[in-house]
């Protein structure tokens, strides 16, 4: 099979780092995989490739009707496996539209948006937060389809993980802060919700489009409570002085119970910090500050 692309070395490095042998095998197979689906879906390349940590994205045009699209090639994992199902449920309402999907490889043909116009570059941070909130209100209005990861499963596992890991935190105030996050999780863990969540709607995952001002991309979907969706928009484009404003504005747009949203946001801070501790990484100052500003008054 002819070679039609070169794999960016940065993508090869991240795949090897995060996925080890499976990542190296995926990178080695990418040129052949791209050629296969360019032929299979009758596409031609239409610009330089793009990439993130997990995927190679090729701008293409469908030969049959000249429709611009992108070919997304990624190594399927637990987080990305539900992406096609979520995109089918949304069917372009608030999110990029899925045009075709190959189950065995996880390859997708997607509507082409404008990668040069992301919400990350929007000059107004408050308007950007409101854009995310409005998108989340549309996306989470749908019940999650069967077969997705479930927030309830993660919520049940977090307290046990926290009990094993928190003694690695040398700073007592930080340890107490994370213990408060675990206590907040216990308040809501019995009602994890059933809405279709994007899970990773930070500002870089919102792109401009011709048919809509802004659309979401790259979901890592799960079934759960919409309050679990807020943290990316609080942590991305981080501004400590804006935390409470963004939280209040987003909960208002989404019509969320503020106490439940606060608890799920603190639970997500805990989840992120546990990943960092388990991987031997420093804790994020931004996430810790979000927890400090959202926990109940009287905790210190």
Protein backbone atom coordinates (compact mmCIF):
# COMPACT_ATOMS: atom_id res chain seq x y z
CA UNK A 1 0.00 0.00 0.00
CA UNK A 2 1.40 3.39 -1.00
CA UNK A 3 2.69 5.79 1.61
CA UNK A 4 0.68 9.02 1.54
CA UNK A 5 1.69 10.75 4.78
CA UNK A 6 4.58 11.27 7.14
CA UNK A 7 3.86 10.92 10.84
CA UNK A 8 4.78 14.01 12.89
CA UNK A 9 7.61 13.10 15.29
CA UNK A 10 5.77 14.81 18.17
CA UNK A 11 2.81 12.47 17.74
CA UNK A 12 5.13 9.49 17.57
CA UNK A 13 6.80 10.59 20.81
CA UNK A 14 3.55 11.05 22.74
CA UNK A 15 2.17 7.73 21.52
CA UNK A 16 5.32 5.95 22.68
CA UNK A 17 5.21 7.77 26.02
CA UNK A 18 1.55 7.10 26.85
CA UNK A 19 0.85 3.83 25.04
CA UNK A 20 4.27 2.15 24.90
CA UNK A 21 4.38 -0.79 22.45
CA UNK A 22 0.77 -0.28 21.34
CA UNK A 23 1.51 3.37 20.57
CA UNK A 24 4.62 2.53 18.57
CA UNK A 25 2.68 -0.07 16.59
CA UNK A 26 -0.09 2.44 15.93
CA UNK A 27 2.40 5.03 14.63
CA UNK A 28 4.07 2.45 12.39
CA UNK A 29 0.67 1.55 10.91
CA UNK A 30 -0.52 5.14 10.36
CA UNK A 31 0.73 5.66 6.76
CA UNK A 32 -0.92 2.46 5.59
CA UNK A 33 -4.07 3.20 7.59
CA UNK A 34 -4.36 6.66 6.03
CA UNK A 35 -3.90 5.27 2.52
CA UNK A 36 -6.50 2.59 3.18
CA UNK A 37 -9.23 5.02 4.24
CA UNK A 38 -8.41 7.63 1.63
CA UNK A 39 -9.16 4.87 -0.89
CA UNK A 40 -12.07 3.34 1.02
CA UNK A 41 -13.99 6.60 1.42
CA UNK A 42 -12.77 8.05 -1.92
CA UNK A 43 -10.96 11.03 -0.42
CA UNK A 44 -8.10 13.24 -1.49
CA UNK A 45 -5.75 15.11 0.83
CA UNK A 46 -6.45 18.82 1.09
CA UNK A 47 -3.84 20.45 3.27
CA UNK A 48 -1.21 19.81 5.94
CA UNK A 49 -1.91 17.28 8.65
CA UNK A 50 -2.85 18.27 12.20
CA UNK A 51 -2.29 16.32 15.39
CA UNK A 52 -2.77 16.30 19.13
CA UNK A 53 -1.67 13.96 21.86
CA UNK A 54 -3.86 11.11 20.65
CA UNK A 55 -4.82 11.53 17.01
CA UNK A 56 -3.65 12.42 13.53
CA UNK A 57 -6.16 14.56 11.62
CA UNK A 58 -5.92 14.90 7.84
CA UNK A 59 -7.85 17.58 5.93
CA UNK A 60 -9.55 15.86 3.00
CA UNK A 61 -12.17 16.39 0.31
CA UNK A 62 -14.71 13.77 -0.73
CA UNK A 63 -14.15 13.22 -4.44
CA UNK A 64 -17.80 12.38 -5.15
CA UNK A 65 -19.26 15.70 -3.98
CA UNK A 66 -16.27 17.98 -3.13
CA UNK A 67 -17.37 18.18 0.51
CA UNK A 68 -14.46 19.21 2.78
CA UNK A 69 -13.93 16.92 5.76
CA UNK A 70 -11.21 15.60 8.06
CA UNK A 71 -9.98 12.04 8.48
CA UNK A 72 -9.27 11.32 12.15
CA UNK A 73 -6.94 8.42 12.91
CA UNK A 74 -6.49 7.45 16.56
CA UNK A 75 -5.65 4.49 18.75
CA UNK A 76 -8.94 3.44 20.34
CA UNK A 77 -8.92 3.40 24.14
CA UNK A 78 -11.46 3.54 26.96
CA UNK A 79 -11.81 7.32 26.69
CA UNK A 80 -12.21 7.58 22.90
CA UNK A 81 -14.19 4.38 22.28
CA UNK A 82 -17.54 6.12 22.83
CA UNK A 83 -16.80 9.12 20.59
CA UNK A 84 -18.70 7.86 17.50
CA UNK A 85 -21.75 6.90 19.56
CA UNK A 86 -21.87 10.33 21.21
CA UNK A 87 -21.47 12.15 17.89
CA UNK A 88 -24.30 10.11 16.41
CA UNK A 89 -26.59 11.07 19.30
CA UNK A 90 -25.75 14.77 18.97
CA UNK A 91 -25.98 14.60 15.15
CA UNK A 92 -24.31 17.97 14.73
CA UNK A 93 -26.34 19.75 17.43
CA UNK A 94 -23.59 21.56 19.31
CA UNK A 95 -20.85 19.21 18.11
CA UNK A 96 -18.95 18.31 14.97
CA UNK A 97 -20.91 15.99 12.68
CA UNK A 98 -19.77 12.40 12.12
CA UNK A 99 -19.82 11.46 8.42
CA UNK A 100 -18.46 7.91 8.56
CA UNK A 101 -16.84 5.55 11.07
CA UNK A 102 -14.87 2.32 10.98
CA UNK A 103 -15.42 0.36 14.19
CA UNK A 104 -12.39 -1.97 14.21
CA UNK A 105 -9.83 0.83 13.77
CA UNK A 106 -11.73 3.75 15.33
CA UNK A 107 -11.11 5.82 12.18
CA UNK A 108 -13.63 8.62 11.63
CA UNK A 109 -14.56 10.93 8.80
CA UNK A 110 -15.76 14.21 10.32
CA UNK A 111 -17.19 17.50 9.19
CA UNK A 112 -14.41 20.04 8.71
CA UNK A 113 -14.43 23.01 11.08
CA UNK A 114 -11.96 25.91 11.27
CA UNK A 115 -8.92 24.84 13.34
CA UNK A 116 -7.51 28.38 13.23
CA UNK A 117 -10.51 29.77 15.16
CA UNK A 118 -10.69 28.15 18.57
CA UNK A 119 -12.42 29.44 21.67
CA UNK A 120 -9.00 29.37 23.34
CA UNK A 121 -8.16 32.46 21.27
CA UNK A 122 -11.40 34.31 21.94
CA UNK A 123 -10.48 37.70 23.44
CA UNK A 124 -13.20 37.64 26.09
CA UNK A 125 -12.68 35.00 28.78
CA UNK A 126 -16.15 35.48 30.25
CA UNK A 127 -17.88 35.19 26.89
CA UNK A 128 -15.78 32.09 26.20
CA UNK A 129 -17.02 30.50 29.43
CA UNK A 130 -20.60 31.30 28.45
CA UNK A 131 -20.08 29.71 25.02
CA UNK A 132 -18.91 26.51 26.71
CA UNK A 133 -21.89 26.61 29.07
CA UNK A 134 -24.36 27.03 26.20
CA UNK A 135 -22.79 24.13 24.32
CA UNK A 136 -22.87 21.95 27.42
CA UNK A 137 -26.55 22.78 27.95
CA UNK A 138 -27.26 21.36 24.48
CA UNK A 139 -24.94 18.38 24.70
CA UNK A 140 -26.01 17.22 28.15
CA UNK A 141 -29.71 17.52 27.32
CA UNK A 142 -29.52 14.03 25.77
CA UNK A 143 -29.53 10.81 27.76
CA UNK A 144 -26.36 8.80 27.31
CA UNK A 145 -26.60 5.79 24.98
CA UNK A 146 -25.86 2.37 26.40
CA UNK A 147 -22.31 1.09 26.47
CA UNK A 148 -20.53 4.29 27.50
CA UNK A 149 -18.24 4.70 30.48
CA UNK A 150 -20.26 5.66 33.54
CA UNK A 151 -19.45 8.37 36.06
CA UNK A 152 -20.87 6.16 38.80
CA UNK A 153 -18.12 3.60 38.26
CA UNK A 154 -15.40 6.23 38.59
CA UNK A 155 -17.11 7.80 41.62
CA UNK A 156 -17.20 4.48 43.46
CA UNK A 157 -13.49 3.89 42.82
CA UNK A 158 -12.21 7.34 43.81
CA UNK A 159 -12.49 7.11 47.63
CA UNK A 160 -10.47 3.90 47.76
CA UNK A 161 -7.84 5.37 45.46
CA UNK A 162 -7.72 8.51 47.61
CA UNK A 163 -7.20 6.47 50.78
CA UNK A 164 -4.17 4.81 49.18
CA UNK A 165 -2.60 7.93 47.72
CA UNK A 166 -3.29 10.98 49.90
CA UNK A 167 -0.61 10.10 52.43
CA UNK A 168 1.90 10.89 49.66
CA UNK A 169 0.93 14.58 49.93
CA UNK A 170 3.52 16.16 52.24
CA UNK A 171 1.70 19.47 52.75
CA UNK A 172 -1.03 19.06 55.45
CA UNK A 173 -3.27 21.89 54.12
CA UNK A 174 -3.23 20.37 50.63
CA UNK A 175 -3.94 16.94 52.09
CA UNK A 176 -6.92 18.37 53.99
CA UNK A 177 -8.11 20.13 50.83
CA UNK A 178 -8.14 16.87 48.89
CA UNK A 179 -9.85 15.15 51.80
CA UNK A 180 -12.57 17.83 51.57
CA UNK A 181 -12.90 17.01 47.86
CA UNK A 182 -13.38 13.34 48.78
CA UNK A 183 -16.03 14.33 51.33
CA UNK A 184 -17.85 16.38 48.67
CA UNK A 185 -17.82 13.38 46.36
CA UNK A 186 -19.47 11.23 49.02
CA UNK A 187 -22.37 13.72 49.12
CA UNK A 188 -23.33 13.00 45.49
CA UNK A 189 -21.81 9.64 44.57
CA UNK A 190 -25.08 7.75 45.02
CA UNK A 191 -26.72 9.81 42.25
CA UNK A 192 -24.15 9.96 39.41
CA UNK A 193 -26.62 10.89 36.66
CA UNK A 194 -27.33 9.56 33.19
CA UNK A 195 -26.78 12.50 30.82
CA UNK A 196 -24.45 12.33 27.83
CA UNK A 197 -21.27 14.15 28.90
CA UNK A 198 -18.48 15.44 26.66
CA UNK A 199 -15.98 15.21 29.57
CA UNK A 200 -13.24 17.33 27.98
CA UNK A 201 -14.87 20.56 26.83
CA UNK A 202 -12.03 23.00 27.37
CA UNK A 203 -11.67 26.04 25.12
CA UNK A 204 -9.30 24.35 22.69
CA UNK A 205 -11.99 21.76 21.94
CA UNK A 206 -14.43 24.39 20.67
CA UNK A 207 -13.97 25.42 17.02
CA UNK A 208 -15.73 27.87 14.74
CA UNK A 209 -17.75 26.58 11.81
CA UNK A 210 -19.68 27.91 8.82
CA UNK A 211 -23.01 26.46 9.95
CA UNK A 212 -22.71 27.48 13.62
CA UNK A 213 -20.60 30.02 15.51
CA UNK A 214 -19.01 27.34 17.73
CA UNK A 215 -19.05 23.52 17.84
CA UNK A 216 -17.48 20.99 20.21
CA UNK A 217 -14.92 18.44 19.07
CA UNK A 218 -13.01 15.51 20.60
CA UNK A 219 -15.48 14.19 23.19
CA UNK A 220 -14.33 11.54 25.64
CA UNK A 221 -17.92 10.71 26.53
CA UNK A 222 -19.42 9.15 29.59
CA UNK A 223 -22.83 8.94 31.25
CA UNK A 224 -23.24 11.13 34.29
CA UNK A 225 -24.18 14.38 36.01
CA UNK A 226 -23.58 17.62 34.02
CA UNK A 227 -21.93 19.12 37.11
CA UNK A 228 -18.93 16.94 36.29
CA UNK A 229 -18.44 18.92 33.06
CA UNK A 230 -17.43 22.28 34.53
CA UNK A 231 -13.79 21.79 35.54
CA UNK A 232 -12.14 22.03 32.08
CA UNK A 233 -13.62 25.50 31.52
CA UNK A 234 -12.49 26.60 35.00
CA UNK A 235 -8.94 25.28 34.64
CA UNK A 236 -8.25 26.16 30.99
CA UNK A 237 -7.33 29.82 30.44
CA UNK A 238 -6.88 29.78 34.22
CA UNK A 239 -7.56 32.98 36.15
CA UNK A 240 -8.00 32.61 39.90
CA UNK A 241 -10.10 35.78 40.10
CA UNK A 242 -12.53 34.37 37.53
CA UNK A 243 -13.20 30.98 39.17
CA UNK A 244 -16.35 31.92 41.06
CA UNK A 245 -17.72 34.03 38.21
CA UNK A 246 -17.30 31.21 35.70
CA UNK A 247 -18.74 28.63 38.09
CA UNK A 248 -21.79 30.78 38.90
CA UNK A 249 -22.39 31.72 35.26
CA UNK A 250 -22.06 28.17 33.96
CA UNK A 251 -24.31 26.64 36.60
CA UNK A 252 -26.92 29.31 35.83
CA UNK A 253 -26.85 28.66 32.07
CA UNK A 254 -27.03 24.90 32.62
CA UNK A 255 -29.72 25.21 35.28
CA UNK A 256 -27.70 23.13 37.74
CA UNK A 257 -28.08 22.80 41.47
CA UNK A 258 -25.05 24.75 42.68
CA UNK A 259 -24.28 22.49 45.64
CA UNK A 260 -24.32 19.37 43.47
CA UNK A 261 -22.25 21.08 40.77
CA UNK A 262 -19.76 22.21 43.40
CA UNK A 263 -19.49 18.66 44.77
CA UNK A 264 -18.97 17.13 41.32
CA UNK A 265 -16.39 19.78 40.44
CA UNK A 266 -14.45 19.05 43.63
CA UNK A 267 -14.73 15.33 42.85
CA UNK A 268 -13.17 15.99 39.47
CA UNK A 269 -10.36 17.99 41.06
CA UNK A 270 -9.74 14.96 43.27
CA UNK A 271 -9.72 12.63 40.25
CA UNK A 272 -7.19 14.82 38.44
CA UNK A 273 -4.94 15.15 41.49
CA UNK A 274 -5.00 11.39 42.07
CA UNK A 275 -3.83 10.81 38.50
CA UNK A 276 -0.98 13.25 39.08
CA UNK A 277 0.02 11.64 42.38
CA UNK A 278 -0.16 8.13 40.94
CA UNK A 279 2.08 9.20 38.04
CA UNK A 280 4.56 10.95 40.32
CA UNK A 281 3.73 14.38 38.92
CA UNK A 282 3.39 17.67 40.83
CA UNK A 283 -0.14 18.71 41.69
CA UNK A 284 -1.65 21.44 39.54
CA UNK A 285 -1.71 24.77 41.36
CA UNK A 286 -4.71 25.80 39.29
CA UNK A 287 -6.78 22.78 40.23
CA UNK A 288 -5.92 23.23 43.89
CA UNK A 289 -6.97 26.87 43.75
CA UNK A 290 -10.28 25.91 42.15
CA UNK A 291 -10.89 23.52 45.04
CA UNK A 292 -9.99 26.17 47.62
CA UNK A 293 -12.42 28.66 46.14
CA UNK A 294 -15.30 26.23 45.69
CA UNK A 295 -15.21 24.26 48.93
CA UNK A 296 -17.67 25.26 51.60
CA UNK A 297 -16.87 28.23 53.86
CA UNK A 298 -15.28 27.27 57.15
CA UNK A 299 -12.90 24.68 55.67
CA UNK A 300 -9.25 25.64 55.82
